[in-house]
């Protein structure tokens, strides 16, 4: 398997899994803007880490971030509607 293709598959899987985790953690914020801020901070950190690995460019980072935000939003809405709300942080 091509090493670049393997890196792309692993990175998109990591972005998707972290989108689910951040979607769950967003339940702890009472406002959408706080949850969006958390998602943006995590996306910026993920982008920086991916660039530090030296294999990321605009071709891979854009789709990864799109998958991250889509999975984050879908998982947050799903968790918000299906799970009882935990105590709020903010």
N, C-alpha and C. Protein backbone atom coordinates (compact mmCIF):
# COMPACT_ATOMS: atom_id res chain seq x y z
N UNK A 1 0.85 -1.18 0.00
CA UNK A 1 0.00 0.00 0.00
C UNK A 1 0.89 1.24 0.00
N UNK A 2 0.44 2.22 -0.71
CA UNK A 2 1.15 3.48 -0.79
C UNK A 2 1.19 4.14 0.60
N UNK A 3 2.37 4.59 1.07
CA UNK A 3 2.44 5.20 2.40
C UNK A 3 1.59 6.46 2.53
N UNK A 4 1.49 7.24 1.47
CA UNK A 4 0.69 8.46 1.52
C UNK A 4 -0.80 8.13 1.66
N UNK A 5 -1.25 7.12 0.94
CA UNK A 5 -2.64 6.69 1.04
C UNK A 5 -2.93 6.13 2.43
N UNK A 6 -1.99 5.39 2.97
CA UNK A 6 -2.16 4.85 4.32
C UNK A 6 -2.26 5.99 5.34
N UNK A 7 -1.41 7.02 5.20
CA UNK A 7 -1.47 8.18 6.10
C UNK A 7 -2.81 8.89 5.98
N UNK A 8 -3.32 9.04 4.77
CA UNK A 8 -4.60 9.71 4.57
C UNK A 8 -5.74 8.94 5.22
N UNK A 9 -5.72 7.63 5.09
CA UNK A 9 -6.78 6.82 5.70
C UNK A 9 -6.73 6.89 7.21
N UNK A 10 -5.54 6.80 7.77
CA UNK A 10 -5.41 6.86 9.23
C UNK A 10 -5.81 8.24 9.75
N UNK A 11 -5.38 9.29 9.06
CA UNK A 11 -5.68 10.64 9.53
C UNK A 11 -7.17 10.94 9.46
N UNK A 12 -7.86 10.48 8.42
CA UNK A 12 -9.29 10.74 8.35
C UNK A 12 -10.04 9.94 9.41
N UNK A 13 -9.55 8.75 9.75
CA UNK A 13 -10.15 7.96 10.82
C UNK A 13 -9.95 8.65 12.17
N UNK A 14 -8.75 9.20 12.40
CA UNK A 14 -8.48 9.92 13.66
C UNK A 14 -9.35 11.17 13.76
N UNK A 15 -9.48 11.91 12.68
CA UNK A 15 -10.32 13.11 12.68
C UNK A 15 -11.78 12.74 12.95
N UNK A 16 -12.26 11.64 12.37
CA UNK A 16 -13.65 11.23 12.58
C UNK A 16 -13.87 10.78 14.03
N UNK A 17 -12.95 10.00 14.58
CA UNK A 17 -13.10 9.55 15.96
C UNK A 17 -13.05 10.71 16.95
N UNK A 18 -12.15 11.65 16.71
CA UNK A 18 -12.09 12.81 17.58
C UNK A 18 -13.31 13.71 17.41
N UNK A 19 -13.90 13.71 16.24
CA UNK A 19 -15.16 14.43 16.04
C UNK A 19 -16.27 13.86 16.91
N UNK A 20 -16.31 12.53 17.03
CA UNK A 20 -17.31 11.90 17.89
C UNK A 20 -17.05 12.24 19.36
N UNK A 21 -15.78 12.18 19.77
CA UNK A 21 -15.43 12.49 21.16
C UNK A 21 -15.76 13.94 21.50
N UNK A 22 -15.40 14.85 20.62
CA UNK A 22 -15.67 16.27 20.87
C UNK A 22 -17.18 16.53 20.79
N UNK A 23 -17.90 15.79 19.96
CA UNK A 23 -19.36 15.90 19.93
C UNK A 23 -19.98 15.53 21.26
N UNK A 24 -19.44 14.50 21.90
CA UNK A 24 -19.94 14.12 23.22
C UNK A 24 -19.54 15.17 24.27
N UNK A 25 -18.32 15.65 24.21
CA UNK A 25 -17.88 16.66 25.18
C UNK A 25 -18.63 17.97 25.02
N UNK A 26 -19.17 18.22 23.85
CA UNK A 26 -19.94 19.45 23.62
C UNK A 26 -21.24 19.46 24.39
N UNK A 27 -21.69 18.31 24.87
CA UNK A 27 -22.90 18.27 25.70
C UNK A 27 -22.72 19.03 27.00
N UNK A 28 -21.48 19.16 27.44
CA UNK A 28 -21.22 19.80 28.72
C UNK A 28 -21.26 21.33 28.64
N UNK A 29 -21.44 21.88 27.45
CA UNK A 29 -21.52 23.33 27.29
C UNK A 29 -22.97 23.72 27.04
N UNK A 30 -23.40 24.79 27.69
CA UNK A 30 -24.81 25.18 27.61
C UNK A 30 -25.14 25.95 26.34
N UNK A 31 -24.15 26.50 25.69
CA UNK A 31 -24.39 27.31 24.49
C UNK A 31 -23.69 26.70 23.28
N UNK A 32 -24.31 26.87 22.13
CA UNK A 32 -23.73 26.37 20.89
C UNK A 32 -22.38 26.99 20.61
N UNK A 33 -22.22 28.27 20.91
CA UNK A 33 -20.99 28.98 20.56
C UNK A 33 -19.81 28.47 21.38
N UNK A 34 -20.05 28.05 22.62
CA UNK A 34 -18.96 27.46 23.41
C UNK A 34 -18.55 26.11 22.83
N UNK A 35 -19.53 25.33 22.42
CA UNK A 35 -19.25 24.03 21.83
C UNK A 35 -18.52 24.19 20.49
N UNK A 36 -18.95 25.18 19.72
CA UNK A 36 -18.27 25.45 18.45
C UNK A 36 -16.84 25.93 18.69
N UNK A 37 -16.65 26.74 19.72
CA UNK A 37 -15.29 27.18 20.06
C UNK A 37 -14.40 26.01 20.44
N UNK A 38 -14.94 25.07 21.20
CA UNK A 38 -14.18 23.87 21.55
C UNK A 38 -13.80 23.09 20.30
N UNK A 39 -14.75 22.93 19.39
CA UNK A 39 -14.49 22.19 18.15
C UNK A 39 -13.44 22.92 17.30
N UNK A 40 -13.50 24.24 17.25
CA UNK A 40 -12.50 25.00 16.48
C UNK A 40 -11.11 24.87 17.07
N UNK A 41 -11.01 24.94 18.39
CA UNK A 41 -9.71 24.81 19.04
C UNK A 41 -9.12 23.43 18.77
N UNK A 42 -9.94 22.40 18.90
CA UNK A 42 -9.46 21.04 18.64
C UNK A 42 -9.07 20.88 17.18
N UNK A 43 -9.84 21.46 16.26
CA UNK A 43 -9.52 21.37 14.83
C UNK A 43 -8.20 22.07 14.52
N UNK A 44 -7.95 23.21 15.14
CA UNK A 44 -6.69 23.92 14.93
C UNK A 44 -5.52 23.10 15.46
N UNK A 45 -5.70 22.49 16.63
CA UNK A 45 -4.64 21.65 17.20
C UNK A 45 -4.40 20.43 16.32
N UNK A 46 -5.47 19.81 15.85
CA UNK A 46 -5.32 18.65 14.97
C UNK A 46 -4.62 19.02 13.66
N UNK A 47 -4.96 20.17 13.11
CA UNK A 47 -4.30 20.63 11.89
C UNK A 47 -2.82 20.88 12.11
N UNK A 48 -2.48 21.47 13.25
CA UNK A 48 -1.06 21.73 13.55
C UNK A 48 -0.29 20.43 13.76
N UNK A 49 -0.91 19.48 14.44
CA UNK A 49 -0.25 18.19 14.66
C UNK A 49 -0.05 17.46 13.34
N UNK A 50 -1.05 17.51 12.48
CA UNK A 50 -0.95 16.84 11.19
C UNK A 50 0.13 17.49 10.33
N UNK A 51 0.24 18.80 10.38
CA UNK A 51 1.29 19.48 9.62
C UNK A 51 2.67 19.17 10.18
N UNK A 52 2.77 19.02 11.51
CA UNK A 52 4.06 18.69 12.13
C UNK A 52 4.56 17.33 11.68
N UNK A 53 3.63 16.42 11.38
CA UNK A 53 4.04 15.10 10.91
C UNK A 53 4.67 15.19 9.52
N UNK A 54 4.43 16.30 8.83
CA UNK A 54 5.10 16.56 7.57
C UNK A 54 4.44 15.95 6.35
N UNK A 55 3.37 15.23 6.55
CA UNK A 55 2.73 14.58 5.41
C UNK A 55 1.45 15.27 4.98
N UNK A 56 1.02 16.26 5.72
CA UNK A 56 -0.25 16.92 5.42
C UNK A 56 -0.03 18.11 4.49
N UNK A 57 -0.93 18.27 3.58
CA UNK A 57 -0.95 19.45 2.72
C UNK A 57 -2.41 19.87 2.56
N UNK A 58 -2.67 20.78 1.67
CA UNK A 58 -4.04 21.28 1.51
C UNK A 58 -4.98 20.21 0.97
N UNK A 59 -4.42 19.24 0.25
CA UNK A 59 -5.26 18.17 -0.29
C UNK A 59 -5.81 17.26 0.81
N UNK A 60 -5.04 17.06 1.84
CA UNK A 60 -5.48 16.16 2.90
C UNK A 60 -6.12 16.90 4.07
N UNK A 61 -5.67 18.10 4.37
CA UNK A 61 -6.16 18.81 5.54
C UNK A 61 -7.59 19.30 5.36
N UNK A 62 -7.94 19.76 4.18
CA UNK A 62 -9.29 20.25 3.93
C UNK A 62 -10.37 19.19 4.12
N UNK A 63 -10.26 18.06 3.44
CA UNK A 63 -11.25 17.00 3.64
C UNK A 63 -11.28 16.47 5.07
N UNK A 64 -10.11 16.40 5.72
CA UNK A 64 -10.08 15.94 7.10
C UNK A 64 -10.85 16.88 8.01
N UNK A 65 -10.67 18.17 7.83
CA UNK A 65 -11.40 19.13 8.66
C UNK A 65 -12.89 19.12 8.35
N UNK A 66 -13.24 18.92 7.08
CA UNK A 66 -14.65 18.83 6.73
C UNK A 66 -15.30 17.61 7.39
N UNK A 67 -14.60 16.49 7.37
CA UNK A 67 -15.11 15.28 8.03
C UNK A 67 -15.21 15.51 9.53
N UNK A 68 -14.21 16.16 10.13
CA UNK A 68 -14.24 16.42 11.56
C UNK A 68 -15.46 17.24 11.95
N UNK A 69 -15.71 18.35 11.25
CA UNK A 69 -16.83 19.21 11.61
C UNK A 69 -18.17 18.55 11.33
N UNK A 70 -18.27 17.79 10.26
CA UNK A 70 -19.52 17.10 9.96
C UNK A 70 -19.82 16.03 11.01
N UNK A 71 -18.83 15.23 11.35
CA UNK A 71 -19.01 14.19 12.36
C UNK A 71 -19.27 14.82 13.73
N UNK A 72 -18.58 15.93 14.03
CA UNK A 72 -18.81 16.62 15.31
C UNK A 72 -20.25 17.08 15.42
N UNK A 73 -20.73 17.75 14.38
CA UNK A 73 -22.08 18.29 14.42
C UNK A 73 -23.12 17.17 14.49
N UNK A 74 -22.95 16.14 13.68
CA UNK A 74 -23.91 15.03 13.69
C UNK A 74 -23.91 14.30 15.02
N UNK A 75 -22.73 14.04 15.57
CA UNK A 75 -22.68 13.33 16.85
C UNK A 75 -23.21 14.20 17.98
N UNK A 76 -22.94 15.50 17.95
CA UNK A 76 -23.44 16.38 18.99
C UNK A 76 -24.97 16.41 18.98
N UNK A 77 -25.56 16.54 17.80
CA UNK A 77 -27.02 16.56 17.70
C UNK A 77 -27.60 15.21 18.12
N UNK A 78 -26.96 14.13 17.72
CA UNK A 78 -27.44 12.80 18.10
C UNK A 78 -27.36 12.60 19.61
N UNK A 79 -26.22 12.94 20.21
CA UNK A 79 -26.07 12.81 21.66
C UNK A 79 -27.03 13.74 22.39
N UNK A 80 -27.22 14.93 21.87
CA UNK A 80 -28.10 15.91 22.51
C UNK A 80 -29.53 15.40 22.56
N UNK A 81 -29.96 14.70 21.52
CA UNK A 81 -31.34 14.21 21.45
C UNK A 81 -31.54 12.86 22.13
N UNK A 82 -30.50 12.06 22.25
CA UNK A 82 -30.67 10.71 22.77
C UNK A 82 -30.25 10.52 24.22
N UNK A 83 -29.28 11.30 24.68
CA UNK A 83 -28.75 11.12 26.03
C UNK A 83 -29.31 12.17 26.98
N UNK A 84 -29.43 11.83 28.25
CA UNK A 84 -29.81 12.86 29.22
C UNK A 84 -28.67 13.86 29.35
N UNK A 85 -29.02 15.12 29.51
CA UNK A 85 -28.01 16.16 29.56
C UNK A 85 -27.22 16.10 30.86
N UNK A 86 -25.90 16.13 30.78
CA UNK A 86 -25.08 16.15 32.00
C UNK A 86 -25.06 17.56 32.58
N UNK A 87 -24.37 17.72 33.70
CA UNK A 87 -24.22 19.05 34.29
C UNK A 87 -23.42 19.95 33.37
N UNK A 88 -23.80 21.22 33.35
CA UNK A 88 -23.15 22.17 32.44
C UNK A 88 -21.85 22.71 33.03
N UNK A 89 -20.88 22.97 32.18
CA UNK A 89 -19.64 23.61 32.59
C UNK A 89 -19.75 25.12 32.50
N UNK A 90 -20.34 25.61 31.40
CA UNK A 90 -20.46 27.05 31.18
C UNK A 90 -21.89 27.39 30.86
